[in-house]
N, C-alpha and C. Protein backbone atom coordinates (compact mmCIF):
# COMPACT_ATOMS: atom_id res chain seq x y z
N MET A 1 -15.57 70.42 -86.87
CA MET A 1 -15.46 71.52 -85.92
C MET A 1 -14.01 72.02 -85.92
N PRO A 2 -13.85 73.33 -85.80
CA PRO A 2 -12.51 73.89 -85.75
C PRO A 2 -11.79 73.55 -84.43
N ALA A 3 -10.51 73.74 -84.44
CA ALA A 3 -9.68 73.50 -83.23
C ALA A 3 -10.13 74.44 -82.12
N VAL A 4 -10.04 73.94 -80.90
CA VAL A 4 -10.42 74.71 -79.71
C VAL A 4 -9.20 74.73 -78.78
N VAL A 5 -8.88 75.91 -78.25
CA VAL A 5 -7.75 76.08 -77.34
C VAL A 5 -8.25 76.18 -75.89
N ASP A 6 -7.67 75.35 -75.05
CA ASP A 6 -7.92 75.46 -73.59
C ASP A 6 -6.96 76.51 -73.06
N ARG A 7 -7.50 77.69 -72.73
CA ARG A 7 -6.66 78.81 -72.31
C ARG A 7 -5.91 78.54 -71.02
N LEU A 8 -6.41 77.63 -70.20
CA LEU A 8 -5.75 77.31 -68.94
C LEU A 8 -4.52 76.43 -69.16
N LYS A 9 -4.50 75.68 -70.25
CA LYS A 9 -3.37 74.81 -70.55
C LYS A 9 -2.33 75.44 -71.46
N CYS A 10 -2.75 76.40 -72.30
CA CYS A 10 -1.85 77.02 -73.27
C CYS A 10 -0.83 77.89 -72.57
N ASP A 11 0.46 77.67 -72.90
CA ASP A 11 1.50 78.51 -72.32
C ASP A 11 2.09 79.49 -73.32
N GLY A 12 1.50 79.57 -74.51
CA GLY A 12 1.94 80.51 -75.52
C GLY A 12 3.23 80.17 -76.20
N CYS A 13 3.56 78.88 -76.33
CA CYS A 13 4.82 78.46 -76.93
C CYS A 13 4.92 78.80 -78.43
N GLY A 14 3.77 78.83 -79.13
CA GLY A 14 3.76 79.18 -80.55
C GLY A 14 3.95 78.03 -81.50
N ASN A 15 4.11 76.82 -81.02
CA ASN A 15 4.26 75.66 -81.91
C ASN A 15 3.08 75.55 -82.89
N CYS A 16 1.91 75.76 -82.40
CA CYS A 16 0.70 75.63 -83.24
C CYS A 16 0.66 76.68 -84.34
N VAL A 17 1.09 77.90 -84.02
CA VAL A 17 1.12 78.97 -85.00
C VAL A 17 2.04 78.60 -86.17
N ASP A 18 3.22 78.08 -85.81
CA ASP A 18 4.17 77.68 -86.84
C ASP A 18 3.68 76.50 -87.67
N GLU A 19 2.92 75.61 -87.07
CA GLU A 19 2.48 74.38 -87.72
C GLU A 19 1.25 74.54 -88.60
N CYS A 20 0.39 75.51 -88.27
CA CYS A 20 -0.87 75.65 -88.99
C CYS A 20 -0.64 75.97 -90.47
N PRO A 21 -1.09 75.11 -91.37
CA PRO A 21 -0.83 75.30 -92.80
C PRO A 21 -1.63 76.44 -93.44
N VAL A 22 -2.70 76.87 -92.76
CA VAL A 22 -3.56 77.92 -93.34
C VAL A 22 -3.52 79.24 -92.56
N GLY A 23 -2.67 79.30 -91.56
CA GLY A 23 -2.53 80.55 -90.79
C GLY A 23 -3.74 80.92 -89.97
N ALA A 24 -4.44 79.91 -89.43
CA ALA A 24 -5.67 80.17 -88.68
C ALA A 24 -5.44 80.45 -87.20
N ILE A 25 -4.19 80.39 -86.75
CA ILE A 25 -3.92 80.55 -85.31
C ILE A 25 -3.10 81.79 -85.06
N GLU A 26 -3.54 82.62 -84.11
CA GLU A 26 -2.81 83.80 -83.68
C GLU A 26 -2.34 83.57 -82.26
N LEU A 27 -1.27 84.24 -81.90
CA LEU A 27 -0.77 84.13 -80.55
C LEU A 27 -0.72 85.51 -79.91
N ASN A 28 -1.43 85.69 -78.81
CA ASN A 28 -1.33 86.86 -77.99
C ASN A 28 -0.80 86.38 -76.64
N ASP A 29 -1.62 86.35 -75.61
CA ASP A 29 -1.19 85.71 -74.37
C ASP A 29 -1.25 84.21 -74.51
N CYS A 30 -2.19 83.73 -75.30
CA CYS A 30 -2.29 82.31 -75.63
C CYS A 30 -2.82 82.21 -77.05
N ALA A 31 -2.85 81.02 -77.58
CA ALA A 31 -3.29 80.79 -78.96
C ALA A 31 -4.79 81.02 -79.07
N SER A 32 -5.19 81.50 -80.23
CA SER A 32 -6.61 81.59 -80.56
C SER A 32 -6.78 81.19 -82.02
N VAL A 33 -7.86 80.51 -82.31
CA VAL A 33 -8.12 79.94 -83.62
C VAL A 33 -9.21 80.72 -84.31
N ASP A 34 -8.95 81.14 -85.55
CA ASP A 34 -9.95 81.79 -86.37
C ASP A 34 -10.81 80.68 -87.00
N VAL A 35 -12.03 80.55 -86.50
CA VAL A 35 -12.91 79.45 -86.94
C VAL A 35 -13.29 79.53 -88.38
N ASP A 36 -13.19 80.71 -88.97
CA ASP A 36 -13.56 80.87 -90.39
C ASP A 36 -12.43 80.39 -91.31
N ILE A 37 -11.22 80.27 -90.78
CA ILE A 37 -10.08 79.85 -91.60
C ILE A 37 -9.69 78.39 -91.29
N CYS A 38 -9.86 77.95 -90.07
CA CYS A 38 -9.45 76.59 -89.65
C CYS A 38 -10.10 75.53 -90.52
N THR A 39 -9.27 74.58 -90.99
CA THR A 39 -9.75 73.50 -91.84
C THR A 39 -9.88 72.17 -91.11
N ASP A 40 -9.74 72.17 -89.78
CA ASP A 40 -9.88 70.95 -88.98
C ASP A 40 -8.83 69.87 -89.31
N CYS A 41 -7.63 70.29 -89.73
CA CYS A 41 -6.64 69.31 -90.11
C CYS A 41 -6.00 68.62 -88.91
N GLY A 42 -5.96 69.27 -87.77
CA GLY A 42 -5.43 68.65 -86.57
C GLY A 42 -3.92 68.78 -86.38
N SER A 43 -3.22 69.44 -87.29
CA SER A 43 -1.77 69.53 -87.14
C SER A 43 -1.39 70.30 -85.86
N CYS A 44 -2.18 71.25 -85.46
CA CYS A 44 -1.89 72.02 -84.24
C CYS A 44 -2.03 71.14 -82.99
N VAL A 45 -2.99 70.22 -83.03
CA VAL A 45 -3.22 69.31 -81.90
C VAL A 45 -1.97 68.44 -81.70
N ASP A 46 -1.39 67.98 -82.77
CA ASP A 46 -0.24 67.06 -82.69
C ASP A 46 1.01 67.72 -82.13
N VAL A 47 1.17 69.04 -82.35
CA VAL A 47 2.40 69.69 -81.91
C VAL A 47 2.31 70.41 -80.58
N CYS A 48 1.12 70.43 -79.97
CA CYS A 48 0.98 71.14 -78.69
C CYS A 48 1.53 70.29 -77.55
N PRO A 49 2.59 70.78 -76.87
CA PRO A 49 3.19 70.00 -75.79
C PRO A 49 2.34 69.93 -74.54
N ASN A 50 1.34 70.79 -74.44
CA ASN A 50 0.50 70.84 -73.23
C ASN A 50 -0.88 70.24 -73.43
N GLU A 51 -1.12 69.68 -74.61
CA GLU A 51 -2.42 69.14 -74.96
C GLU A 51 -3.53 70.17 -74.75
N ALA A 52 -3.23 71.43 -75.12
CA ALA A 52 -4.17 72.51 -74.93
C ALA A 52 -5.12 72.72 -76.10
N ILE A 53 -4.90 71.97 -77.19
CA ILE A 53 -5.74 72.15 -78.38
C ILE A 53 -6.42 70.83 -78.70
N SER A 54 -7.69 70.93 -79.03
CA SER A 54 -8.43 69.73 -79.37
C SER A 54 -9.37 70.02 -80.55
N LEU A 55 -9.77 68.98 -81.22
CA LEU A 55 -10.81 69.07 -82.26
C LEU A 55 -12.07 68.49 -81.66
N GLU A 56 -13.10 69.28 -81.52
CA GLU A 56 -14.32 68.78 -80.88
C GLU A 56 -15.37 68.47 -81.90
């Protein structure tokens, strides 16, 4: 399953955008994951300071 962002926890820091090796994350008000590109690697989960991203 691709990464999922909890919009209530995301503060838009951008760490996940910088960390994603395939460019699957965009940042507007908060992060959003393109499920067609995400490879489920989990690198975004590890760098999120708010634990707003999970792999389900």
